[in-house]
PDB file of N, CA and C in Angstrom:
ATOM      1  N   UNK A   1     118.498  92.337  73.366  1.00  0.00           N
ATOM      2  CA  UNK A   1     118.531  91.297  74.368  1.00  0.00           C
ATOM      3  C   UNK A   1     117.802  91.793  75.627  1.00  0.00           C
ATOM      4  N   UNK A   2     116.977  90.947  76.175  1.00  0.00           N
ATOM      5  CA  UNK A   2     116.248  91.285  77.391  1.00  0.00           C
ATOM      6  C   UNK A   2     117.128  91.061  78.613  1.00  0.00           C
ATOM      7  N   UNK A   3     117.200  92.071  79.464  1.00  0.00           N
ATOM      8  CA  UNK A   3     117.992  91.962  80.675  1.00  0.00           C
ATOM      9  C   UNK A   3     117.096  91.891  81.900  1.00  0.00           C
ATOM     10  N   UNK A   4     117.586  91.231  82.920  1.00  0.00           N
ATOM     11  CA  UNK A   4     116.878  91.129  84.184  1.00  0.00           C
ATOM     12  C   UNK A   4     117.214  92.359  85.024  1.00  0.00           C
ATOM     13  N   UNK A   5     116.183  92.985  85.585  1.00  0.00           N
ATOM     14  CA  UNK A   5     116.380  94.144  86.448  1.00  0.00           C
ATOM     15  C   UNK A   5     115.310  94.166  87.534  1.00  0.00           C
ATOM     16  N   UNK A   6     115.509  94.978  88.546  1.00  0.00           N
ATOM     17  CA  UNK A   6     114.594  95.032  89.684  1.00  0.00           C
ATOM     18  C   UNK A   6     113.816  96.348  89.660  1.00  0.00           C
ATOM     19  N   UNK A   7     112.500  96.242  89.720  1.00  0.00           N
ATOM     20  CA  UNK A   7     111.649  97.435  89.734  1.00  0.00           C
ATOM     21  C   UNK A   7     111.795  98.105  91.104  1.00  0.00           C
ATOM     22  N   UNK A   8     112.133  99.394  91.133  1.00  0.00           N
ATOM     23  CA  UNK A   8     112.298 100.072  92.418  1.00  0.00           C
ATOM     24  C   UNK A   8     110.979 100.324  93.147  1.00  0.00           C
ATOM     25  N   UNK A   9     109.887 100.192  92.447  1.00  0.00           N
ATOM     26  CA  UNK A   9     108.578 100.459  93.057  1.00  0.00           C
ATOM     27  C   UNK A   9     108.031  99.215  93.759  1.00  0.00           C
ATOM     28  N   UNK A  10     107.997  98.091  93.086  1.00  0.00           N
ATOM     29  CA  UNK A  10     107.414  96.869  93.667  1.00  0.00           C
ATOM     30  C   UNK A  10     108.475  95.871  94.135  1.00  0.00           C
ATOM     31  N   UNK A  11     109.722  96.122  93.773  1.00  0.00           N
ATOM     32  CA  UNK A  11     110.866  95.276  94.155  1.00  0.00           C
ATOM     33  C   UNK A  11     110.882  93.915  93.451  1.00  0.00           C
ATOM     34  N   UNK A  12     110.046  93.715  92.442  1.00  0.00           N
ATOM     35  CA  UNK A  12     110.037  92.458  91.694  1.00  0.00           C
ATOM     36  C   UNK A  12     111.121  92.466  90.623  1.00  0.00           C
ATOM     37  N   UNK A  13     111.603  91.274  90.303  1.00  0.00           N
ATOM     38  CA  UNK A  13     112.549  91.141  89.196  1.00  0.00           C
ATOM     39  C   UNK A  13     111.756  91.126  87.900  1.00  0.00           C
ATOM     40  N   UNK A  14     112.281  91.824  86.898  1.00  0.00           N
ATOM     41  CA  UNK A  14     111.572  92.021  85.641  1.00  0.00           C
ATOM     42  C   UNK A  14     112.514  91.716  84.478  1.00  0.00           C
ATOM     43  N   UNK A  15     111.983  91.123  83.435  1.00  0.00           N
ATOM     44  CA  UNK A  15     112.743  90.906  82.204  1.00  0.00           C
ATOM     45  C   UNK A  15     112.108  91.761  81.123  1.00  0.00           C
ATOM     46  N   UNK A  16     112.933  92.463  80.399  1.00  0.00           N
ATOM     47  CA  UNK A  16     112.427  93.251  79.279  1.00  0.00           C
ATOM     48  C   UNK A  16     112.257  94.718  79.605  1.00  0.00           C
ATOM     49  N   UNK A  17     111.436  95.346  78.800  1.00  0.00           N
ATOM     50  CA  UNK A  17     111.223  96.787  78.915  1.00  0.00           C
ATOM     51  C   UNK A  17     110.255  97.115  80.034  1.00  0.00           C
ATOM     52  N   UNK A  18     110.360  98.304  80.531  1.00  0.00           N
ATOM     53  CA  UNK A  18     109.452  98.771  81.565  1.00  0.00           C
ATOM     54  C   UNK A  18     108.762 100.045  81.125  1.00  0.00           C
ATOM     55  N   UNK A  19     108.455 100.849  82.081  1.00  0.00           N
ATOM     56  CA  UNK A  19     107.806 102.132  81.844  1.00  0.00           C
ATOM     57  C   UNK A  19     108.615 103.191  82.591  1.00  0.00           C
ATOM     58  N   UNK A  20     108.340 104.431  82.296  1.00  0.00           N
ATOM     59  CA  UNK A  20     108.942 105.530  83.035  1.00  0.00           C
ATOM     60  C   UNK A  20     107.911 106.024  84.037  1.00  0.00           C
ATOM     61  N   UNK A  21     108.322 106.147  85.280  1.00  0.00           N
ATOM     62  CA  UNK A  21     107.404 106.565  86.334  1.00  0.00           C
ATOM     63  C   UNK A  21     106.831 107.946  86.049  1.00  0.00           C
ATOM     64  N   UNK A  22     105.551 108.096  86.302  1.00  0.00           N
ATOM     65  CA  UNK A  22     104.884 109.391  86.182  1.00  0.00           C
ATOM     66  C   UNK A  22     105.248 110.301  87.343  1.00  0.00           C
ATOM     67  N   UNK A  23     105.808 109.740  88.372  1.00  0.00           N
ATOM     68  CA  UNK A  23     106.082 110.508  89.580  1.00  0.00           C
ATOM     69  C   UNK A  23     107.309 111.389  89.458  1.00  0.00           C
ATOM     70  N   UNK A  24     108.293 110.965  88.681  1.00  0.00           N
ATOM     71  CA  UNK A  24     109.482 111.810  88.514  1.00  0.00           C
ATOM     72  C   UNK A  24     109.950 111.907  87.054  1.00  0.00           C
ATOM     73  N   UNK A  25     109.240 111.241  86.153  1.00  0.00           N
ATOM     74  CA  UNK A  25     109.540 111.257  84.716  1.00  0.00           C
ATOM     75  C   UNK A  25     110.955 110.814  84.358  1.00  0.00           C
ATOM     76  N   UNK A  26     111.556 109.956  85.217  1.00  0.00           N
ATOM     77  CA  UNK A  26     112.884 109.450  84.869  1.00  0.00           C
ATOM     78  C   UNK A  26     113.156 108.031  85.368  1.00  0.00           C
ATOM     79  N   UNK A  27     112.487 107.608  86.416  1.00  0.00           N
ATOM     80  CA  UNK A  27     112.747 106.290  86.997  1.00  0.00           C
ATOM     81  C   UNK A  27     112.072 105.197  86.178  1.00  0.00           C
ATOM     82  N   UNK A  28     112.873 104.178  85.823  1.00  0.00           N
ATOM     83  CA  UNK A  28     112.340 103.031  85.085  1.00  0.00           C
ATOM     84  C   UNK A  28     111.640 102.102  86.065  1.00  0.00           C
ATOM     85  N   UNK A  29     110.382 101.802  85.801  1.00  0.00           N
ATOM     86  CA  UNK A  29     109.591 100.886  86.627  1.00  0.00           C
ATOM     87  C   UNK A  29     109.009  99.808  85.720  1.00  0.00           C
ATOM     88  N   UNK A  30     108.482  98.737  86.321  1.00  0.00           N
ATOM     89  CA  UNK A  30     107.897  97.665  85.514  1.00  0.00           C
ATOM     90  C   UNK A  30     106.559  98.118  84.920  1.00  0.00           C
ATOM     91  N   UNK A  31     106.109  97.404  83.938  1.00  0.00           N
ATOM     92  CA  UNK A  31     104.856  97.750  83.266  1.00  0.00           C
ATOM     93  C   UNK A  31     103.665  97.726  84.209  1.00  0.00           C
ATOM     94  N   UNK A  32     103.627  96.743  85.112  1.00  0.00           N
ATOM     95  CA  UNK A  32     102.518  96.668  86.069  1.00  0.00           C
ATOM     96  C   UNK A  32     102.476  97.909  86.957  1.00  0.00           C
ATOM     97  N   UNK A  33     103.621  98.362  87.406  1.00  0.00           N
ATOM     98  CA  UNK A  33     103.663  99.569  88.234  1.00  0.00           C
ATOM     99  C   UNK A  33     103.303 100.808  87.408  1.00  0.00           C
ATOM    100  N   UNK A  34     103.687 100.816  86.139  1.00  0.00           N
ATOM    101  CA  UNK A  34     103.303 101.921  85.260  1.00  0.00           C
ATOM    102  C   UNK A  34     101.788 101.997  85.123  1.00  0.00           C
ATOM    103  N   UNK A  35     101.160 100.850  84.971  1.00  0.00           N
ATOM    104  CA  UNK A  35      99.692 100.801  84.894  1.00  0.00           C
ATOM    105  C   UNK A  35      99.094 101.248  86.219  1.00  0.00           C
ATOM    106  N   UNK A  36      99.669 100.806  87.314  1.00  0.00           N
ATOM    107  CA  UNK A  36      99.177 101.186  88.640  1.00  0.00           C
ATOM    108  C   UNK A  36      99.217 102.702  88.834  1.00  0.00           C
ATOM    109  N   UNK A  37     100.305 103.328  88.419  1.00  0.00           N
ATOM    110  CA  UNK A  37     100.406 104.780  88.528  1.00  0.00           C
ATOM    111  C   UNK A  37      99.364 105.479  87.659  1.00  0.00           C
ATOM    112  N   UNK A  38      99.175 104.982  86.453  1.00  0.00           N
ATOM    113  CA  UNK A  38      98.182 105.579  85.555  1.00  0.00           C
ATOM    114  C   UNK A  38      96.775 105.457  86.137  1.00  0.00           C
ATOM    115  N   UNK A  39      96.454 104.299  86.688  1.00  0.00           N
ATOM    116  CA  UNK A  39      95.129 104.100  87.279  1.00  0.00           C
ATOM    117  C   UNK A  39      94.934 104.982  88.513  1.00  0.00           C
ATOM    118  N   UNK A  40      95.983 105.144  89.312  1.00  0.00           N
ATOM    119  CA  UNK A  40      95.893 106.024  90.471  1.00  0.00           C
ATOM    120  C   UNK A  40      95.591 107.453  90.024  1.00  0.00           C
ATOM    121  N   UNK A  41      96.295 107.921  89.006  1.00  0.00           N
ATOM    122  CA  UNK A  41      96.062 109.280  88.500  1.00  0.00           C
ATOM    123  C   UNK A  41      94.642 109.434  87.975  1.00  0.00           C
ATOM    124  N   UNK A  42      94.147 108.405  87.307  1.00  0.00           N
ATOM    125  CA  UNK A  42      92.763 108.440  86.802  1.00  0.00           C
ATOM    126  C   UNK A  42      91.775 108.490  87.966  1.00  0.00           C
ATOM    127  N   UNK A  43      91.986 107.628  88.977  1.00  0.00           N
ATOM    128  CA  UNK A  43      91.105 107.622  90.151  1.00  0.00           C
ATOM    129  C   UNK A  43      91.117 108.980  90.850  1.00  0.00           C
ATOM    130  N   UNK A  44      92.292 109.589  90.944  1.00  0.00           N
ATOM    131  CA  UNK A  44      92.419 110.898  91.583  1.00  0.00           C
ATOM    132  C   UNK A  44      91.636 111.956  90.798  1.00  0.00           C
ATOM    133  N   UNK A  45      91.720 111.891  89.488  1.00  0.00           N
ATOM    134  CA  UNK A  45      91.003 112.828  88.628  1.00  0.00           C
ATOM    135  C   UNK A  45      89.489 112.673  88.764  1.00  0.00           C
ATOM    136  N   UNK A  46      89.030 111.434  88.754  1.00  0.00           N
ATOM    137  CA  UNK A  46      87.591 111.171  88.896  1.00  0.00           C
ATOM    138  C   UNK A  46      87.106 111.622  90.273  1.00  0.00           C
ATOM    139  N   UNK A  47      87.887 111.333  91.300  1.00  0.00           N
ATOM    140  CA  UNK A  47      87.517 111.728  92.658  1.00  0.00           C
ATOM    141  C   UNK A  47      87.419 113.251  92.765  1.00  0.00           C
ATOM    142  N   UNK A  48      88.348 113.950  92.128  1.00  0.00           N
ATOM    143  CA  UNK A  48      88.328 115.415  92.158  1.00  0.00           C
ATOM    144  C   UNK A  48      87.083 115.954  91.467  1.00  0.00           C
ATOM    145  N   UNK A  49      86.737 115.373  90.318  1.00  0.00           N
ATOM    146  CA  UNK A  49      85.536 115.796  89.585  1.00  0.00           C
ATOM    147  C   UNK A  49      84.275 115.601  90.415  1.00  0.00           C
ATOM    148  N   UNK A  50      84.248 114.533  91.198  1.00  0.00           N
ATOM    149  CA  UNK A  50      83.070 114.218  92.012  1.00  0.00           C
ATOM    150  C   UNK A  50      83.107 114.905  93.376  1.00  0.00           C
ATOM    151  N   UNK A  51      84.193 115.600  93.671  1.00  0.00           N
ATOM    152  CA  UNK A  51      84.310 116.276  94.952  1.00  0.00           C
ATOM    153  C   UNK A  51      84.527 115.344  96.125  1.00  0.00           C
ATOM    154  N   UNK A  52      85.069 114.153  95.830  1.00  0.00           N
ATOM    155  CA  UNK A  52      85.343 113.156  96.871  1.00  0.00           C
ATOM    156  C   UNK A  52      86.824 112.798  96.825  1.00  0.00           C
ATOM    157  N   UNK A  53      87.632 113.438  97.660  1.00  0.00           N
ATOM    158  CA  UNK A  53      89.070 113.155  97.612  1.00  0.00           C
ATOM    159  C   UNK A  53      89.390 111.703  97.972  1.00  0.00           C
ATOM    160  N   UNK A  54      90.530 111.242  97.504  1.00  0.00           N
ATOM    161  CA  UNK A  54      90.990 109.891  97.833  1.00  0.00           C
ATOM    162  C   UNK A  54      91.348 109.825  99.310  1.00  0.00           C
ATOM    163  N   UNK A  55      91.310 108.628  99.849  1.00  0.00           N
ATOM    164  CA  UNK A  55      91.638 108.446 101.262  1.00  0.00           C
ATOM    165  C   UNK A  55      93.144 108.657 101.480  1.00  0.00           C
ATOM    166  N   UNK A  56      93.487 108.983 102.718  1.00  0.00           N
ATOM    167  CA  UNK A  56      94.905 109.133 103.082  1.00  0.00           C
ATOM    168  C   UNK A  56      95.667 107.841 102.811  1.00  0.00           C
ATOM    169  N   UNK A  57      95.022 106.698 103.068  1.00  0.00           N
ATOM    170  CA  UNK A  57      95.660 105.402 102.845  1.00  0.00           C
ATOM    171  C   UNK A  57      96.056 105.239 101.384  1.00  0.00           C
ATOM    172  N   UNK A  58      95.139 105.576 100.480  1.00  0.00           N
ATOM    173  CA  UNK A  58      95.436 105.458  99.044  1.00  0.00           C
ATOM    174  C   UNK A  58      96.566 106.387  98.634  1.00  0.00           C
ATOM    175  N   UNK A  59      96.524 107.591  99.126  1.00  0.00           N
ATOM    176  CA  UNK A  59      97.551 108.580  98.778  1.00  0.00           C
ATOM    177  C   UNK A  59      98.906 108.168  99.343  1.00  0.00           C
ATOM    178  N   UNK A  60      98.936 107.774 100.612  1.00  0.00           N
ATOM    179  CA  UNK A  60     100.202 107.368 101.234  1.00  0.00           C
ATOM    180  C   UNK A  60     100.787 106.122 100.600  1.00  0.00           C
ATOM    181  N   UNK A  61      99.928 105.193 100.208  1.00  0.00           N
ATOM    182  CA  UNK A  61     100.390 103.975  99.555  1.00  0.00           C
ATOM    183  C   UNK A  61     101.062 104.294  98.221  1.00  0.00           C
ATOM    184  N   UNK A  62     100.507 105.227  97.509  1.00  0.00           N
ATOM    185  CA  UNK A  62     101.053 105.584  96.193  1.00  0.00           C
ATOM    186  C   UNK A  62     102.394 106.299  96.312  1.00  0.00           C
ATOM    187  N   UNK A  63     102.553 107.158  97.285  1.00  0.00           N
ATOM    188  CA  UNK A  63     103.782 107.939  97.369  1.00  0.00           C
ATOM    189  C   UNK A  63     104.875 107.299  98.227  1.00  0.00           C
ATOM    190  N   UNK A  64     104.539 106.257  98.954  1.00  0.00           N
ATOM    191  CA  UNK A  64     105.507 105.679  99.894  1.00  0.00           C
ATOM    192  C   UNK A  64     106.784 105.187  99.210  1.00  0.00           C
ATOM    193  N   UNK A  65     106.687 104.650  98.014  1.00  0.00           N
ATOM    194  CA  UNK A  65     107.890 104.105  97.376  1.00  0.00           C
ATOM    195  C   UNK A  65     108.860 105.204  96.986  1.00  0.00           C
ATOM    196  N   UNK A  66     108.366 106.414  96.743  1.00  0.00           N
ATOM    197  CA  UNK A  66     109.267 107.514  96.401  1.00  0.00           C
ATOM    198  C   UNK A  66     110.052 107.994  97.613  1.00  0.00           C
ATOM    199  N   UNK A  67     109.464 107.865  98.789  1.00  0.00           N
ATOM    200  CA  UNK A  67     110.111 108.332 100.007  1.00  0.00           C
ATOM    201  C   UNK A  67     111.040 107.296 100.599  1.00  0.00           C
ATOM    202  N   UNK A  68     110.829 106.020 100.217  1.00  0.00           N
ATOM    203  CA  UNK A  68     111.615 104.932 100.806  1.00  0.00           C
ATOM    204  C   UNK A  68     112.893 104.749 100.119  1.00  0.00           C
TER     205      UNK A  68
END
């Protein structure tokens, strides 16, 4: 049975299964946020390879939900 729950990352109500956050390997987040985390990690990897770090805004936006 699908249950309604609230994603701690985006604060949206979600029905069904989610993903496990890459940030702490235990927090259940919605699928959209799981994709967002994966894309952020990919962007960070590509930026590192090119020698162009991500902006402070991008980094702070990604980690802000863990601190809040």
